[in-house]
Amino acid sequence: MPVTDPISDMLTRIRNAVQVRHEAVEVPASRMKSSLLKLLSDEGFITSFKSVDEDSVNKKLEVQLRYYEDKTPVIQGLKRVSKPGLRVYVGKNEVPRYFGGIGVGFMSTSKGVMTGQQARRQGVGGELLFYVW
């Protein structure tokens, strides 16, 4: 069955894996997901990710989740903002801070996928995809 919202599917897989303390989780591959996972890795929410080629049709990305030394997950929460039924766009002066800057917003802009902080620095707005804290 096709997935109507692949980003939400990826976030749900990560959220479920973190709740049961898995070391890694596999998600179907796409360029958008790869760029979002790269940002998650740069921000320190996940350890790493790599492409797992089962075959040329069903490519997957293996995401290594990150935990503190006391086995507490680094990702405390994930919240999808813009959905297929209700897209949420913000202007360059309206890029929100989440939890007073503790959370990180991820956006799709005309200059590519970036965090809310990067979007504020570059002076661009776009679609607010999700928050992670």
Protein backbone atom coordinates (compact mmCIF):
# COMPACT_ATOMS: atom_id res chain seq x y z
CA MET A 1 0.00 0.00 0.00
CA PRO A 2 1.49 3.38 -0.96
CA VAL A 3 2.33 5.87 1.77
CA THR A 4 0.58 9.22 1.35
CA ASP A 5 3.01 11.16 3.57
CA PRO A 6 6.53 9.68 3.42
CA ILE A 7 8.09 12.24 5.79
CA SER A 8 5.49 11.53 8.45
CA ASP A 9 6.08 7.80 7.93
CA MET A 10 9.82 8.30 8.52
CA LEU A 11 9.20 10.35 11.67
CA THR A 12 6.79 7.74 13.02
CA ARG A 13 9.30 4.94 12.42
CA ILE A 14 11.99 6.93 14.26
CA ARG A 15 9.60 7.84 17.10
CA ASN A 16 8.53 4.20 17.56
CA ALA A 17 12.13 2.93 17.47
CA VAL A 18 13.23 5.50 20.06
CA GLN A 19 10.37 4.54 22.39
CA VAL A 20 11.46 0.89 22.47
CA ARG A 21 15.19 1.82 22.56
CA HIS A 22 16.25 0.26 19.25
CA GLU A 23 19.80 0.98 18.09
CA ALA A 24 18.79 1.46 14.44
CA VAL A 25 15.73 1.71 12.22
CA GLU A 26 15.25 1.30 8.47
CA VAL A 27 13.20 3.72 6.39
CA PRO A 28 12.47 3.68 2.63
CA ALA A 29 14.99 5.86 0.80
CA SER A 30 14.39 9.14 -1.02
CA ARG A 31 16.46 12.26 -1.65
CA MET A 32 14.26 14.35 0.66
CA LYS A 33 14.63 11.87 3.52
CA SER A 34 18.40 11.69 2.95
CA SER A 35 18.71 15.47 3.22
CA LEU A 36 16.51 15.55 6.35
CA LEU A 37 18.53 12.75 7.96
CA LYS A 38 21.74 14.64 7.13
CA LEU A 39 20.37 17.67 8.98
CA LEU A 40 19.29 15.47 11.92
CA SER A 41 22.82 14.06 12.05
CA ASP A 42 24.39 17.54 11.84
CA GLU A 43 22.18 18.76 14.69
CA GLY A 44 23.17 15.73 16.83
CA PHE A 45 19.79 13.99 17.05
CA ILE A 46 20.97 10.80 15.32
CA THR A 47 24.41 9.21 15.15
CA SER A 48 24.49 8.46 11.43
CA PHE A 49 22.61 6.99 8.50
CA LYS A 50 23.63 4.91 5.51
CA SER A 51 22.06 3.51 2.39
CA VAL A 52 21.20 -0.18 2.42
CA ASP A 53 20.78 -1.52 -1.11
CA GLU A 54 18.54 -4.57 -0.93
CA ASP A 55 17.89 -4.20 -4.65
CA SER A 56 17.56 -1.29 -7.04
CA VAL A 57 13.81 -0.93 -6.45
CA ASN A 58 13.56 -1.14 -2.64
CA LYS A 59 16.40 1.05 -1.40
CA LYS A 60 16.38 1.74 2.33
CA LEU A 61 18.19 4.04 4.70
CA GLU A 62 19.45 2.63 8.00
CA VAL A 63 19.32 5.28 10.73
CA GLN A 64 21.56 4.83 13.78
CA LEU A 65 19.72 6.38 16.73
CA ARG A 66 21.58 8.32 19.40
CA TYR A 67 21.29 7.85 23.16
CA TYR A 68 22.94 9.47 26.16
CA GLU A 69 25.15 7.39 28.48
CA ASP A 70 22.21 6.60 30.79
CA LYS A 71 20.27 5.17 27.78
CA THR A 72 18.00 8.23 27.56
CA PRO A 73 17.19 9.01 23.91
CA VAL A 74 18.47 12.28 22.49
CA ILE A 75 15.20 12.65 20.54
CA GLN A 76 12.54 13.44 23.13
CA GLY A 77 9.84 14.29 20.61
CA LEU A 78 8.96 14.71 16.94
CA LYS A 79 6.04 16.79 15.71
CA ARG A 80 4.91 16.99 12.07
CA VAL A 81 3.67 20.49 11.23
CA SER A 82 2.96 20.69 7.49
CA LYS A 83 0.86 17.80 6.24
CA PRO A 84 -0.48 16.89 2.78
CA GLY A 85 -3.96 18.09 3.79
CA LEU A 86 -2.74 21.35 5.35
CA ARG A 87 0.53 22.84 4.19
CA VAL A 88 2.13 25.35 6.57
CA TYR A 89 4.31 28.06 5.04
CA VAL A 90 6.21 30.76 6.91
CA GLY A 91 7.78 33.93 5.62
CA LYS A 92 11.38 34.94 6.23
CA ASN A 93 10.35 37.10 9.20
CA GLU A 94 8.00 34.48 10.68
CA VAL A 95 10.36 31.49 11.14
CA PRO A 96 9.40 30.19 14.61
CA ARG A 97 11.63 29.09 17.46
CA TYR A 98 10.42 25.91 19.15
CA PHE A 99 10.63 25.49 22.93
CA GLY A 100 12.54 28.77 23.13
CA GLY A 101 15.30 27.49 20.87
CA ILE A 102 15.71 24.05 22.48
CA GLY A 103 13.76 22.38 19.68
CA VAL A 104 14.81 22.55 16.06
CA GLY A 105 12.43 23.28 13.19
CA PHE A 106 13.10 21.77 9.77
CA MET A 107 12.03 23.62 6.64
CA SER A 108 11.90 23.11 2.91
CA THR A 109 12.92 26.35 1.24
CA SER A 110 13.79 27.55 -2.24
CA LYS A 111 17.46 27.09 -1.26
CA GLY A 112 16.96 23.49 -0.13
CA VAL A 113 16.09 21.74 3.12
CA MET A 114 17.45 23.50 6.21
CA THR A 115 16.83 24.17 9.86
CA GLY A 116 14.83 27.17 11.02
CA GLN A 117 17.98 28.82 12.35
CA GLN A 118 19.73 28.47 8.98
CA ALA A 119 16.64 29.88 7.25
CA ARG A 120 16.63 32.93 9.56
CA ARG A 121 20.34 33.54 8.85
CA GLN A 122 19.84 33.28 5.08
CA GLY A 123 16.64 35.31 5.15
CA VAL A 124 14.37 32.77 3.46
CA GLY A 125 10.98 31.34 4.30
CA GLY A 126 9.34 28.14 3.17
CA GLU A 127 7.34 25.11 4.21
CA LEU A 128 7.70 24.23 7.91
CA LEU A 129 8.03 20.43 7.85
CA PHE A 130 8.49 19.30 11.47
CA TYR A 131 10.02 20.00 14.89
CA VAL A 132 12.43 17.83 16.88
CA TRP A 133 13.32 18.31 20.54
